[in-house]
Amino acid sequence: VLGAALGEVPAAGAKVAAADAAYLASRVGLQVHGAIGYTAEFDLSLWLTKIRALVGAWGTPAAHRARLLDGLVAEGGA
């Protein structure tokens, strides 16, 4: 994300990397904590809900991967 803010990395790449990392972290957290992760008393349930919503916000990871692929193809063809 810092690379995207500095203009060194495409924003689509930062979105894909951040979304993948957040989703993986939430899934691992759920595996570690088990069913308590779904309870309202444990903050993991809030993060699971937020991450599911944010992964698809401002474009899905699949759309951003396609954007990155289009950029690579355009660079390779030039």
C-alpha atoms as a PDB file:
ATOM      1  CA  VAL A   1       0.000   0.000   0.000  1.00  0.00           C
ATOM      2  CA  LEU A   2       2.883   2.342   0.757  1.00  0.00           C
ATOM      3  CA  GLY A   3       4.343   1.586  -2.683  1.00  0.00           C
ATOM      4  CA  ALA A   4       1.021   2.517  -4.289  1.00  0.00           C
ATOM      5  CA  ALA A   5       0.884   5.740  -2.286  1.00  0.00           C
ATOM      6  CA  LEU A   6       4.378   6.619  -3.500  1.00  0.00           C
ATOM      7  CA  GLY A   7       3.494   5.730  -7.087  1.00  0.00           C
ATOM      8  CA  GLU A   8       5.947   2.834  -7.259  1.00  0.00           C
ATOM      9  CA  VAL A   9       3.314   0.080  -7.425  1.00  0.00           C
ATOM     10  CA  PRO A  10      -0.001   0.126  -9.305  1.00  0.00           C
ATOM     11  CA  ALA A  11      -2.951   0.757  -7.000  1.00  0.00           C
ATOM     12  CA  ALA A  12      -4.611  -2.384  -8.361  1.00  0.00           C
ATOM     13  CA  GLY A  13      -1.643  -4.438  -7.155  1.00  0.00           C
ATOM     14  CA  ALA A  14      -1.843  -2.924  -3.690  1.00  0.00           C
ATOM     15  CA  LYS A  15      -5.589  -3.636  -3.546  1.00  0.00           C
ATOM     16  CA  VAL A  16      -5.072  -7.279  -4.500  1.00  0.00           C
ATOM     17  CA  ALA A  17      -2.218  -7.772  -2.029  1.00  0.00           C
ATOM     18  CA  ALA A  18      -4.034  -6.059   0.838  1.00  0.00           C
ATOM     19  CA  ALA A  19      -7.303  -7.899   0.185  1.00  0.00           C
ATOM     20  CA  ASP A  20      -5.572 -11.277  -0.013  1.00  0.00           C
ATOM     21  CA  ALA A  21      -3.570 -10.636   3.165  1.00  0.00           C
ATOM     22  CA  ALA A  22      -6.591  -9.427   5.134  1.00  0.00           C
ATOM     23  CA  TYR A  23      -8.743 -12.350   4.030  1.00  0.00           C
ATOM     24  CA  LEU A  24      -6.008 -14.872   4.833  1.00  0.00           C
ATOM     25  CA  ALA A  25      -5.414 -13.321   8.257  1.00  0.00           C
ATOM     26  CA  SER A  26      -9.115 -13.430   9.106  1.00  0.00           C
ATOM     27  CA  ARG A  27      -9.467 -17.052   8.003  1.00  0.00           C
ATOM     28  CA  VAL A  28      -6.385 -18.112   9.970  1.00  0.00           C
ATOM     29  CA  GLY A  29      -7.680 -16.222  13.006  1.00  0.00           C
ATOM     30  CA  LEU A  30     -10.950 -18.078  12.748  1.00  0.00           C
ATOM     31  CA  GLN A  31      -9.131 -21.408  12.506  1.00  0.00           C
ATOM     32  CA  VAL A  32      -7.014 -20.561  15.544  1.00  0.00           C
ATOM     33  CA  HIS A  33      -9.863 -19.344  17.724  1.00  0.00           C
ATOM     34  CA  GLY A  34     -12.528 -21.726  16.475  1.00  0.00           C
ATOM     35  CA  ALA A  35     -16.218 -21.067  16.992  1.00  0.00           C
ATOM     36  CA  ILE A  36     -15.580 -18.221  19.437  1.00  0.00           C
ATOM     37  CA  GLY A  37     -14.596 -16.190  16.356  1.00  0.00           C
ATOM     38  CA  TYR A  38     -18.247 -16.030  15.359  1.00  0.00           C
ATOM     39  CA  THR A  39     -19.496 -14.781  18.725  1.00  0.00           C
ATOM     40  CA  ALA A  40     -20.299 -11.129  19.326  1.00  0.00           C
ATOM     41  CA  GLU A  41     -18.120 -11.085  22.449  1.00  0.00           C
ATOM     42  CA  PHE A  42     -14.958 -11.639  20.415  1.00  0.00           C
ATOM     43  CA  ASP A  43     -13.752  -8.888  18.041  1.00  0.00           C
ATOM     44  CA  LEU A  44     -12.795 -11.395  15.351  1.00  0.00           C
ATOM     45  CA  SER A  45     -16.457 -11.609  14.318  1.00  0.00           C
ATOM     46  CA  LEU A  46     -16.417  -7.869  13.575  1.00  0.00           C
ATOM     47  CA  TRP A  47     -13.240  -8.153  11.511  1.00  0.00           C
ATOM     48  CA  LEU A  48     -14.588 -11.111   9.551  1.00  0.00           C
ATOM     49  CA  THR A  49     -17.637  -9.065   8.590  1.00  0.00           C
ATOM     50  CA  LYS A  50     -15.603  -5.968   7.710  1.00  0.00           C
ATOM     51  CA  ILE A  51     -13.038  -7.871   5.670  1.00  0.00           C
ATOM     52  CA  ARG A  52     -15.697  -9.714   3.673  1.00  0.00           C
ATOM     53  CA  ALA A  53     -17.230  -6.362   2.770  1.00  0.00           C
ATOM     54  CA  LEU A  54     -13.946  -4.575   2.060  1.00  0.00           C
ATOM     55  CA  VAL A  55     -12.459  -7.315  -0.130  1.00  0.00           C
ATOM     56  CA  GLY A  56     -15.101  -6.554  -2.756  1.00  0.00           C
ATOM     57  CA  ALA A  57     -15.227  -2.801  -2.201  1.00  0.00           C
ATOM     58  CA  TRP A  58     -13.857  -0.593  -4.991  1.00  0.00           C
ATOM     59  CA  GLY A  59     -13.591  -3.554  -7.310  1.00  0.00           C
ATOM     60  CA  THR A  60     -13.128  -7.234  -6.698  1.00  0.00           C
ATOM     61  CA  PRO A  61      -9.668  -8.779  -6.535  1.00  0.00           C
ATOM     62  CA  ALA A  62     -10.453 -10.557  -9.820  1.00  0.00           C
ATOM     63  CA  ALA A  63     -11.165  -7.232 -11.533  1.00  0.00           C
ATOM     64  CA  HIS A  64      -7.927  -5.747 -10.218  1.00  0.00           C
ATOM     65  CA  ARG A  65      -5.948  -8.812 -11.286  1.00  0.00           C
ATOM     66  CA  ALA A  66      -7.419  -8.396 -14.788  1.00  0.00           C
ATOM     67  CA  ARG A  67      -6.397  -4.718 -14.731  1.00  0.00           C
ATOM     68  CA  LEU A  68      -2.845  -5.692 -13.779  1.00  0.00           C
ATOM     69  CA  LEU A  69      -2.741  -8.333 -16.499  1.00  0.00           C
ATOM     70  CA  ASP A  70      -3.950  -5.816 -19.093  1.00  0.00           C
ATOM     71  CA  GLY A  71      -1.167  -3.458 -18.005  1.00  0.00           C
ATOM     72  CA  LEU A  72       1.451  -6.186 -18.333  1.00  0.00           C
ATOM     73  CA  VAL A  73       0.175  -7.187 -21.771  1.00  0.00           C
ATOM     74  CA  ALA A  74       0.195  -3.546 -22.901  1.00  0.00           C
ATOM     75  CA  GLU A  75       3.788  -3.114 -21.690  1.00  0.00           C
ATOM     76  CA  GLY A  76       4.907  -6.327 -23.353  1.00  0.00           C
ATOM     77  CA  GLY A  77       3.351  -5.383 -26.666  1.00  0.00           C
ATOM     78  CA  ALA A  78       5.045  -1.992 -26.830  1.00  0.00           C
END
